[in-house]
């Protein structure tokens, strides 16, 4: 398989390969493997949440309520309260 990179990304890859002593193809393979692992984990989580919603195990909330909850959680973390 061949991967086409932009010149900027290719330069970054070449620079990283030079500083780490690893071959560019090894770095790309590791990066893709890590990305795919994360993607599979995310898909599994989303599929599980979808199943929970469809089965009624959890109730949906509005976007406004979700935003409010996230802001409150962020504020508690920021202030330690």
PDB file of N, CA and C in Angstrom:
ATOM      1  N   UNK A   1       0.853  -1.172   0.000  1.00  0.00           N
ATOM      2  CA  UNK A   1       0.000   0.000   0.000  1.00  0.00           C
ATOM      3  C   UNK A   1       0.901   1.237   0.000  1.00  0.00           C
ATOM      4  N   UNK A   2       0.489   2.221  -0.728  1.00  0.00           N
ATOM      5  CA  UNK A   2       1.217   3.487  -0.751  1.00  0.00           C
ATOM      6  C   UNK A   2       0.366   4.569  -0.104  1.00  0.00           C
ATOM      7  N   UNK A   3       1.041   5.480   0.573  1.00  0.00           N
ATOM      8  CA  UNK A   3       0.360   6.584   1.230  1.00  0.00           C
ATOM      9  C   UNK A   3       0.921   7.880   0.662  1.00  0.00           C
ATOM     10  N   UNK A   4       0.038   8.753   0.229  1.00  0.00           N
ATOM     11  CA  UNK A   4       0.447  10.054  -0.296  1.00  0.00           C
ATOM     12  C   UNK A   4       0.390  11.074   0.832  1.00  0.00           C
ATOM     13  N   UNK A   5       1.494  11.774   1.065  1.00  0.00           N
ATOM     14  CA  UNK A   5       1.560  12.789   2.106  1.00  0.00           C
ATOM     15  C   UNK A   5       1.785  14.153   1.482  1.00  0.00           C
ATOM     16  N   UNK A   6       1.267  15.166   2.143  1.00  0.00           N
ATOM     17  CA  UNK A   6       1.570  16.525   1.707  1.00  0.00           C
ATOM     18  C   UNK A   6       3.058  16.775   1.939  1.00  0.00           C
ATOM     19  N   UNK A   7       3.645  17.712   1.224  1.00  0.00           N
ATOM     20  CA  UNK A   7       5.071  18.004   1.448  1.00  0.00           C
ATOM     21  C   UNK A   7       5.372  18.372   2.901  1.00  0.00           C
ATOM     22  N   UNK A   8       4.475  19.120   3.534  1.00  0.00           N
ATOM     23  CA  UNK A   8       4.706  19.507   4.929  1.00  0.00           C
ATOM     24  C   UNK A   8       4.698  18.285   5.850  1.00  0.00           C
ATOM     25  N   UNK A   9       3.735  17.397   5.646  1.00  0.00           N
ATOM     26  CA  UNK A   9       3.656  16.204   6.480  1.00  0.00           C
ATOM     27  C   UNK A   9       4.843  15.274   6.208  1.00  0.00           C
ATOM     28  N   UNK A  10       5.239  15.168   4.965  1.00  0.00           N
ATOM     29  CA  UNK A  10       6.407  14.345   4.621  1.00  0.00           C
ATOM     30  C   UNK A  10       7.666  14.896   5.295  1.00  0.00           C
ATOM     31  N   UNK A  11       7.798  16.219   5.348  1.00  0.00           N
ATOM     32  CA  UNK A  11       8.954  16.833   6.009  1.00  0.00           C
ATOM     33  C   UNK A  11       8.936  16.529   7.495  1.00  0.00           C
ATOM     34  N   UNK A  12       7.764  16.628   8.121  1.00  0.00           N
ATOM     35  CA  UNK A  12       7.652  16.315   9.539  1.00  0.00           C
ATOM     36  C   UNK A  12       8.025  14.861   9.802  1.00  0.00           C
ATOM     37  N   UNK A  13       7.561  13.970   8.943  1.00  0.00           N
ATOM     38  CA  UNK A  13       7.873  12.554   9.088  1.00  0.00           C
ATOM     39  C   UNK A  13       9.375  12.313   8.947  1.00  0.00           C
ATOM     40  N   UNK A  14       9.981  12.940   7.954  1.00  0.00           N
ATOM     41  CA  UNK A  14      11.419  12.794   7.740  1.00  0.00           C
ATOM     42  C   UNK A  14      12.195  13.334   8.933  1.00  0.00           C
ATOM     43  N   UNK A  15      11.784  14.486   9.440  1.00  0.00           N
ATOM     44  CA  UNK A  15      12.449  15.068  10.614  1.00  0.00           C
ATOM     45  C   UNK A  15      12.327  14.158  11.835  1.00  0.00           C
ATOM     46  N   UNK A  16      11.133  13.626  12.055  1.00  0.00           N
ATOM     47  CA  UNK A  16      10.932  12.751  13.203  1.00  0.00           C
ATOM     48  C   UNK A  16      11.743  11.466  13.057  1.00  0.00           C
ATOM     49  N   UNK A  17      11.776  10.939  11.859  1.00  0.00           N
ATOM     50  CA  UNK A  17      12.566   9.730  11.616  1.00  0.00           C
ATOM     51  C   UNK A  17      14.040   9.987  11.917  1.00  0.00           C
ATOM     52  N   UNK A  18      14.529  11.149  11.512  1.00  0.00           N
ATOM     53  CA  UNK A  18      15.933  11.487  11.754  1.00  0.00           C
ATOM     54  C   UNK A  18      16.226  11.636  13.242  1.00  0.00           C
ATOM     55  N   UNK A  19      15.304  12.243  13.984  1.00  0.00           N
ATOM     56  CA  UNK A  19      15.558  12.472  15.408  1.00  0.00           C
ATOM     57  C   UNK A  19      15.349  11.218  16.252  1.00  0.00           C
ATOM     58  N   UNK A  20      14.525  10.290  15.788  1.00  0.00           N
ATOM     59  CA  UNK A  20      14.265   9.080  16.567  1.00  0.00           C
ATOM     60  C   UNK A  20      15.110   7.897  16.132  1.00  0.00           C
ATOM     61  N   UNK A  21      15.688   7.996  14.947  1.00  0.00           N
ATOM     62  CA  UNK A  21      16.475   6.881  14.439  1.00  0.00           C
ATOM     63  C   UNK A  21      15.619   5.737  13.909  1.00  0.00           C
ATOM     64  N   UNK A  22      14.345   6.001  13.728  1.00  0.00           N
ATOM     65  CA  UNK A  22      13.444   4.980  13.192  1.00  0.00           C
ATOM     66  C   UNK A  22      13.140   5.288  11.736  1.00  0.00           C
ATOM     67  N   UNK A  23      12.848   4.260  10.980  1.00  0.00           N
ATOM     68  CA  UNK A  23      12.527   4.439   9.567  1.00  0.00           C
ATOM     69  C   UNK A  23      11.159   5.090   9.424  1.00  0.00           C
ATOM     70  N   UNK A  24      11.003   5.952   8.415  1.00  0.00           N
ATOM     71  CA  UNK A  24       9.698   6.597   8.208  1.00  0.00           C
ATOM     72  C   UNK A  24       8.547   5.606   8.073  1.00  0.00           C
ATOM     73  N   UNK A  25       8.775   4.492   7.374  1.00  0.00           N
ATOM     74  CA  UNK A  25       7.687   3.527   7.213  1.00  0.00           C
ATOM     75  C   UNK A  25       7.285   2.895   8.545  1.00  0.00           C
ATOM     76  N   UNK A  26       8.222   2.737   9.476  1.00  0.00           N
ATOM     77  CA  UNK A  26       7.891   2.226  10.802  1.00  0.00           C
ATOM     78  C   UNK A  26       7.036   3.238  11.570  1.00  0.00           C
ATOM     79  N   UNK A  27       7.407   4.505  11.465  1.00  0.00           N
ATOM     80  CA  UNK A  27       6.632   5.551  12.142  1.00  0.00           C
ATOM     81  C   UNK A  27       5.211   5.620  11.603  1.00  0.00           C
ATOM     82  N   UNK A  28       5.068   5.538  10.293  1.00  0.00           N
ATOM     83  CA  UNK A  28       3.733   5.585   9.683  1.00  0.00           C
ATOM     84  C   UNK A  28       2.917   4.374  10.110  1.00  0.00           C
ATOM     85  N   UNK A  29       3.534   3.197  10.114  1.00  0.00           N
ATOM     86  CA  UNK A  29       2.809   1.987  10.509  1.00  0.00           C
ATOM     87  C   UNK A  29       2.361   2.086  11.970  1.00  0.00           C
ATOM     88  N   UNK A  30       3.237   2.563  12.845  1.00  0.00           N
ATOM     89  CA  UNK A  30       2.861   2.728  14.253  1.00  0.00           C
ATOM     90  C   UNK A  30       1.741   3.751  14.414  1.00  0.00           C
ATOM     91  N   UNK A  31       1.823   4.854  13.668  1.00  0.00           N
ATOM     92  CA  UNK A  31       0.800   5.894  13.767  1.00  0.00           C
ATOM     93  C   UNK A  31      -0.551   5.378  13.287  1.00  0.00           C
ATOM     94  N   UNK A  32      -0.567   4.674  12.181  1.00  0.00           N
ATOM     95  CA  UNK A  32      -1.824   4.144  11.647  1.00  0.00           C
ATOM     96  C   UNK A  32      -2.393   3.084  12.583  1.00  0.00           C
ATOM     97  N   UNK A  33      -1.537   2.215  13.118  1.00  0.00           N
ATOM     98  CA  UNK A  33      -2.000   1.179  14.039  1.00  0.00           C
ATOM     99  C   UNK A  33      -2.627   1.820  15.279  1.00  0.00           C
ATOM    100  N   UNK A  34      -1.978   2.840  15.831  1.00  0.00           N
ATOM    101  CA  UNK A  34      -2.525   3.524  16.997  1.00  0.00           C
ATOM    102  C   UNK A  34      -3.839   4.201  16.692  1.00  0.00           C
ATOM    103  N   UNK A  35      -3.905   4.854  15.531  1.00  0.00           N
ATOM    104  CA  UNK A  35      -5.141   5.527  15.119  1.00  0.00           C
ATOM    105  C   UNK A  35      -6.276   4.521  14.967  1.00  0.00           C
ATOM    106  N   UNK A  36      -6.003   3.400  14.320  1.00  0.00           N
ATOM    107  CA  UNK A  36      -7.055   2.408  14.114  1.00  0.00           C
ATOM    108  C   UNK A  36      -7.516   1.801  15.438  1.00  0.00           C
ATOM    109  N   UNK A  37      -6.585   1.561  16.366  1.00  0.00           N
ATOM    110  CA  UNK A  37      -6.972   1.059  17.685  1.00  0.00           C
ATOM    111  C   UNK A  37      -7.908   2.044  18.382  1.00  0.00           C
ATOM    112  N   UNK A  38      -7.561   3.331  18.342  1.00  0.00           N
ATOM    113  CA  UNK A  38      -8.410   4.351  18.954  1.00  0.00           C
ATOM    114  C   UNK A  38      -9.764   4.435  18.266  1.00  0.00           C
ATOM    115  N   UNK A  39      -9.766   4.324  16.943  1.00  0.00           N
ATOM    116  CA  UNK A  39     -11.015   4.397  16.190  1.00  0.00           C
ATOM    117  C   UNK A  39     -11.934   3.232  16.530  1.00  0.00           C
ATOM    118  N   UNK A  40     -11.379   2.035  16.645  1.00  0.00           N
ATOM    119  CA  UNK A  40     -12.178   0.863  17.010  1.00  0.00           C
ATOM    120  C   UNK A  40     -12.755   1.044  18.409  1.00  0.00           C
ATOM    121  N   UNK A  41     -11.947   1.533  19.342  1.00  0.00           N
ATOM    122  CA  UNK A  41     -12.424   1.765  20.704  1.00  0.00           C
ATOM    123  C   UNK A  41     -13.549   2.788  20.721  1.00  0.00           C
ATOM    124  N   UNK A  42     -13.384   3.865  19.974  1.00  0.00           N
ATOM    125  CA  UNK A  42     -14.420   4.895  19.897  1.00  0.00           C
ATOM    126  C   UNK A  42     -15.693   4.348  19.272  1.00  0.00           C
ATOM    127  N   UNK A  43     -15.556   3.608  18.187  1.00  0.00           N
ATOM    128  CA  UNK A  43     -16.743   3.026  17.532  1.00  0.00           C
ATOM    129  C   UNK A  43     -17.477   2.088  18.473  1.00  0.00           C
ATOM    130  N   UNK A  44     -16.732   1.271  19.213  1.00  0.00           N
ATOM    131  CA  UNK A  44     -17.361   0.362  20.172  1.00  0.00           C
ATOM    132  C   UNK A  44     -18.126   1.144  21.236  1.00  0.00           C
ATOM    133  N   UNK A  45     -17.526   2.227  21.738  1.00  0.00           N
ATOM    134  CA  UNK A  45     -18.194   3.050  22.753  1.00  0.00           C
ATOM    135  C   UNK A  45     -19.455   3.686  22.192  1.00  0.00           C
ATOM    136  N   UNK A  46     -19.363   4.232  20.980  1.00  0.00           N
ATOM    137  CA  UNK A  46     -20.534   4.860  20.367  1.00  0.00           C
ATOM    138  C   UNK A  46     -21.631   3.843  20.076  1.00  0.00           C
ATOM    139  N   UNK A  47     -21.231   2.673  19.583  1.00  0.00           N
ATOM    140  CA  UNK A  47     -22.225   1.627  19.324  1.00  0.00           C
ATOM    141  C   UNK A  47     -22.911   1.206  20.619  1.00  0.00           C
ATOM    142  N   UNK A  48     -22.140   1.107  21.699  1.00  0.00           N
ATOM    143  CA  UNK A  48     -22.718   0.740  22.993  1.00  0.00           C
ATOM    144  C   UNK A  48     -23.701   1.784  23.485  1.00  0.00           C
ATOM    145  N   UNK A  49     -23.334   3.063  23.344  1.00  0.00           N
ATOM    146  CA  UNK A  49     -24.237   4.133  23.773  1.00  0.00           C
ATOM    147  C   UNK A  49     -25.507   4.134  22.915  1.00  0.00           C
ATOM    148  N   UNK A  50     -25.353   3.909  21.613  1.00  0.00           N
ATOM    149  CA  UNK A  50     -26.515   3.852  20.735  1.00  0.00           C
ATOM    150  C   UNK A  50     -27.437   2.711  21.168  1.00  0.00           C
ATOM    151  N   UNK A  51     -26.838   1.551  21.454  1.00  0.00           N
ATOM    152  CA  UNK A  51     -27.642   0.412  21.917  1.00  0.00           C
ATOM    153  C   UNK A  51     -28.358   0.747  23.220  1.00  0.00           C
ATOM    154  N   UNK A  52     -27.657   1.456  24.135  1.00  0.00           N
ATOM    155  CA  UNK A  52     -28.277   1.858  25.399  1.00  0.00           C
ATOM    156  C   UNK A  52     -29.475   2.779  25.157  1.00  0.00           C
ATOM    157  N   UNK A  53     -29.331   3.710  24.234  1.00  0.00           N
ATOM    158  CA  UNK A  53     -30.434   4.622  23.918  1.00  0.00           C
ATOM    159  C   UNK A  53     -31.603   3.884  23.285  1.00  0.00           C
ATOM    160  N   UNK A  54     -31.298   3.025  22.322  1.00  0.00           N
ATOM    161  CA  UNK A  54     -32.366   2.299  21.622  1.00  0.00           C
ATOM    162  C   UNK A  54     -33.131   1.379  22.558  1.00  0.00           C
ATOM    163  N   UNK A  55     -32.438   0.783  23.521  1.00  0.00           N
ATOM    164  CA  UNK A  55     -33.087  -0.160  24.422  1.00  0.00           C
ATOM    165  C   UNK A  55     -33.812   0.542  25.567  1.00  0.00           C
ATOM    166  N   UNK A  56     -33.556   1.842  25.754  1.00  0.00           N
ATOM    167  CA  UNK A  56     -34.180   2.575  26.839  1.00  0.00           C
ATOM    168  C   UNK A  56     -33.414   2.503  28.152  1.00  0.00           C
ATOM    169  N   UNK A  57     -32.222   1.890  28.145  1.00  0.00           N
ATOM    170  CA  UNK A  57     -31.433   1.810  29.378  1.00  0.00           C
ATOM    171  C   UNK A  57     -30.961   3.191  29.832  1.00  0.00           C
ATOM    172  N   UNK A  58     -30.805   4.107  28.893  1.00  0.00           N
ATOM    173  CA  UNK A  58     -30.483   5.498  29.222  1.00  0.00           C
ATOM    174  C   UNK A  58     -31.427   6.397  28.453  1.00  0.00           C
ATOM    175  N   UNK A  59     -31.676   7.579  29.002  1.00  0.00           N
ATOM    176  CA  UNK A  59     -32.576   8.526  28.355  1.00  0.00           C
ATOM    177  C   UNK A  59     -31.752   9.617  27.678  1.00  0.00           C
ATOM    178  N   UNK A  60     -32.159  10.034  26.493  1.00  0.00           N
ATOM    179  CA  UNK A  60     -31.440  11.116  25.823  1.00  0.00           C
ATOM    180  C   UNK A  60     -31.658  12.440  26.566  1.00  0.00           C
ATOM    181  N   UNK A  61     -30.695  13.342  26.410  1.00  0.00           N
ATOM    182  CA  UNK A  61     -30.844  14.686  26.967  1.00  0.00           C
ATOM    183  C   UNK A  61     -30.676  15.687  25.834  1.00  0.00           C
ATOM    184  N   UNK A  62     -31.192  16.876  26.045  1.00  0.00           N
ATOM    185  CA  UNK A  62     -31.106  17.906  25.004  1.00  0.00           C
ATOM    186  C   UNK A  62     -29.666  18.409  24.881  1.00  0.00           C
ATOM    187  N   UNK A  63     -29.371  19.001  23.766  1.00  0.00           N
ATOM    188  CA  UNK A  63     -28.059  19.597  23.558  1.00  0.00           C
ATOM    189  C   UNK A  63     -27.769  20.686  24.562  1.00  0.00           C
ATOM    190  N   UNK A  64     -28.777  21.495  24.876  1.00  0.00           N
ATOM    191  CA  UNK A  64     -28.593  22.568  25.862  1.00  0.00           C
ATOM    192  C   UNK A  64     -28.265  21.997  27.235  1.00  0.00           C
ATOM    193  N   UNK A  65     -28.953  20.927  27.613  1.00  0.00           N
ATOM    194  CA  UNK A  65     -28.691  20.308  28.911  1.00  0.00           C
ATOM    195  C   UNK A  65     -27.302  19.682  28.943  1.00  0.00           C
ATOM    196  N   UNK A  66     -26.905  19.046  27.856  1.00  0.00           N
ATOM    197  CA  UNK A  66     -25.573  18.454  27.792  1.00  0.00           C
ATOM    198  C   UNK A  66     -24.501  19.535  27.909  1.00  0.00           C
ATOM    199  N   UNK A  67     -24.691  20.644  27.219  1.00  0.00           N
ATOM    200  CA  UNK A  67     -23.734  21.745  27.296  1.00  0.00           C
ATOM    201  C   UNK A  67     -23.660  22.303  28.715  1.00  0.00           C
ATOM    202  N   UNK A  68     -24.811  22.475  29.357  1.00  0.00           N
ATOM    203  CA  UNK A  68     -24.845  22.990  30.726  1.00  0.00           C
ATOM    204  C   UNK A  68     -24.092  22.055  31.664  1.00  0.00           C
ATOM    205  N   UNK A  69     -24.315  20.749  31.523  1.00  0.00           N
ATOM    206  CA  UNK A  69     -23.640  19.772  32.380  1.00  0.00           C
ATOM    207  C   UNK A  69     -22.125  19.815  32.180  1.00  0.00           C
ATOM    208  N   UNK A  70     -21.697  19.917  30.933  1.00  0.00           N
ATOM    209  CA  UNK A  70     -20.261  19.987  30.657  1.00  0.00           C
ATOM    210  C   UNK A  70     -19.640  21.252  31.225  1.00  0.00           C
ATOM    211  N   UNK A  71     -20.341  22.368  31.090  1.00  0.00           N
ATOM    212  CA  UNK A  71     -19.831  23.620  31.653  1.00  0.00           C
ATOM    213  C   UNK A  71     -19.734  23.532  33.180  1.00  0.00           C
ATOM    214  N   UNK A  72     -20.744  22.958  33.830  1.00  0.00           N
ATOM    215  CA  UNK A  72     -20.712  22.806  35.289  1.00  0.00           C
ATOM    216  C   UNK A  72     -19.561  21.903  35.720  1.00  0.00           C
ATOM    217  N   UNK A  73     -19.366  20.812  34.991  1.00  0.00           N
ATOM    218  CA  UNK A  73     -18.279  19.889  35.309  1.00  0.00           C
ATOM    219  C   UNK A  73     -16.930  20.578  35.139  1.00  0.00           C
ATOM    220  N   UNK A  74     -16.786  21.326  34.066  1.00  0.00           N
ATOM    221  CA  UNK A  74     -15.550  22.060  33.814  1.00  0.00           C
ATOM    222  C   UNK A  74     -15.288  23.092  34.909  1.00  0.00           C
ATOM    223  N   UNK A  75     -16.340  23.767  35.325  1.00  0.00           N
ATOM    224  CA  UNK A  75     -16.207  24.781  36.379  1.00  0.00           C
ATOM    225  C   UNK A  75     -15.799  24.128  37.700  1.00  0.00           C
ATOM    226  N   UNK A  76     -16.388  22.980  38.011  1.00  0.00           N
ATOM    227  CA  UNK A  76     -16.024  22.278  39.250  1.00  0.00           C
ATOM    228  C   UNK A  76     -14.558  21.862  39.226  1.00  0.00           C
ATOM    229  N   UNK A  77     -14.083  21.381  38.081  1.00  0.00           N
ATOM    230  CA  UNK A  77     -12.669  20.997  37.961  1.00  0.00           C
ATOM    231  C   UNK A  77     -11.760  22.219  38.117  1.00  0.00           C
ATOM    232  N   UNK A  78     -12.174  23.309  37.516  1.00  0.00           N
ATOM    233  CA  UNK A  78     -11.370  24.529  37.546  1.00  0.00           C
ATOM    234  C   UNK A  78     -11.262  25.095  38.944  1.00  0.00           C
ATOM    235  N   UNK A  79     -12.380  25.068  39.668  1.00  0.00           N
ATOM    236  CA  UNK A  79     -12.407  25.685  40.991  1.00  0.00           C
ATOM    237  C   UNK A  79     -12.155  24.685  42.119  1.00  0.00           C
ATOM    238  N   UNK A  80     -12.204  23.407  41.812  1.00  0.00           N
ATOM    239  CA  UNK A  80     -12.011  22.399  42.840  1.00  0.00           C
ATOM    240  C   UNK A  80     -13.212  22.207  43.737  1.00  0.00           C
ATOM    241  N   UNK A  81     -14.373  22.668  43.300  1.00  0.00           N
ATOM    242  CA  UNK A  81     -15.605  22.545  44.096  1.00  0.00           C
ATOM    243  C   UNK A  81     -16.537  21.526  43.524  1.00  0.00           C
TER     244      UNK A  81
END
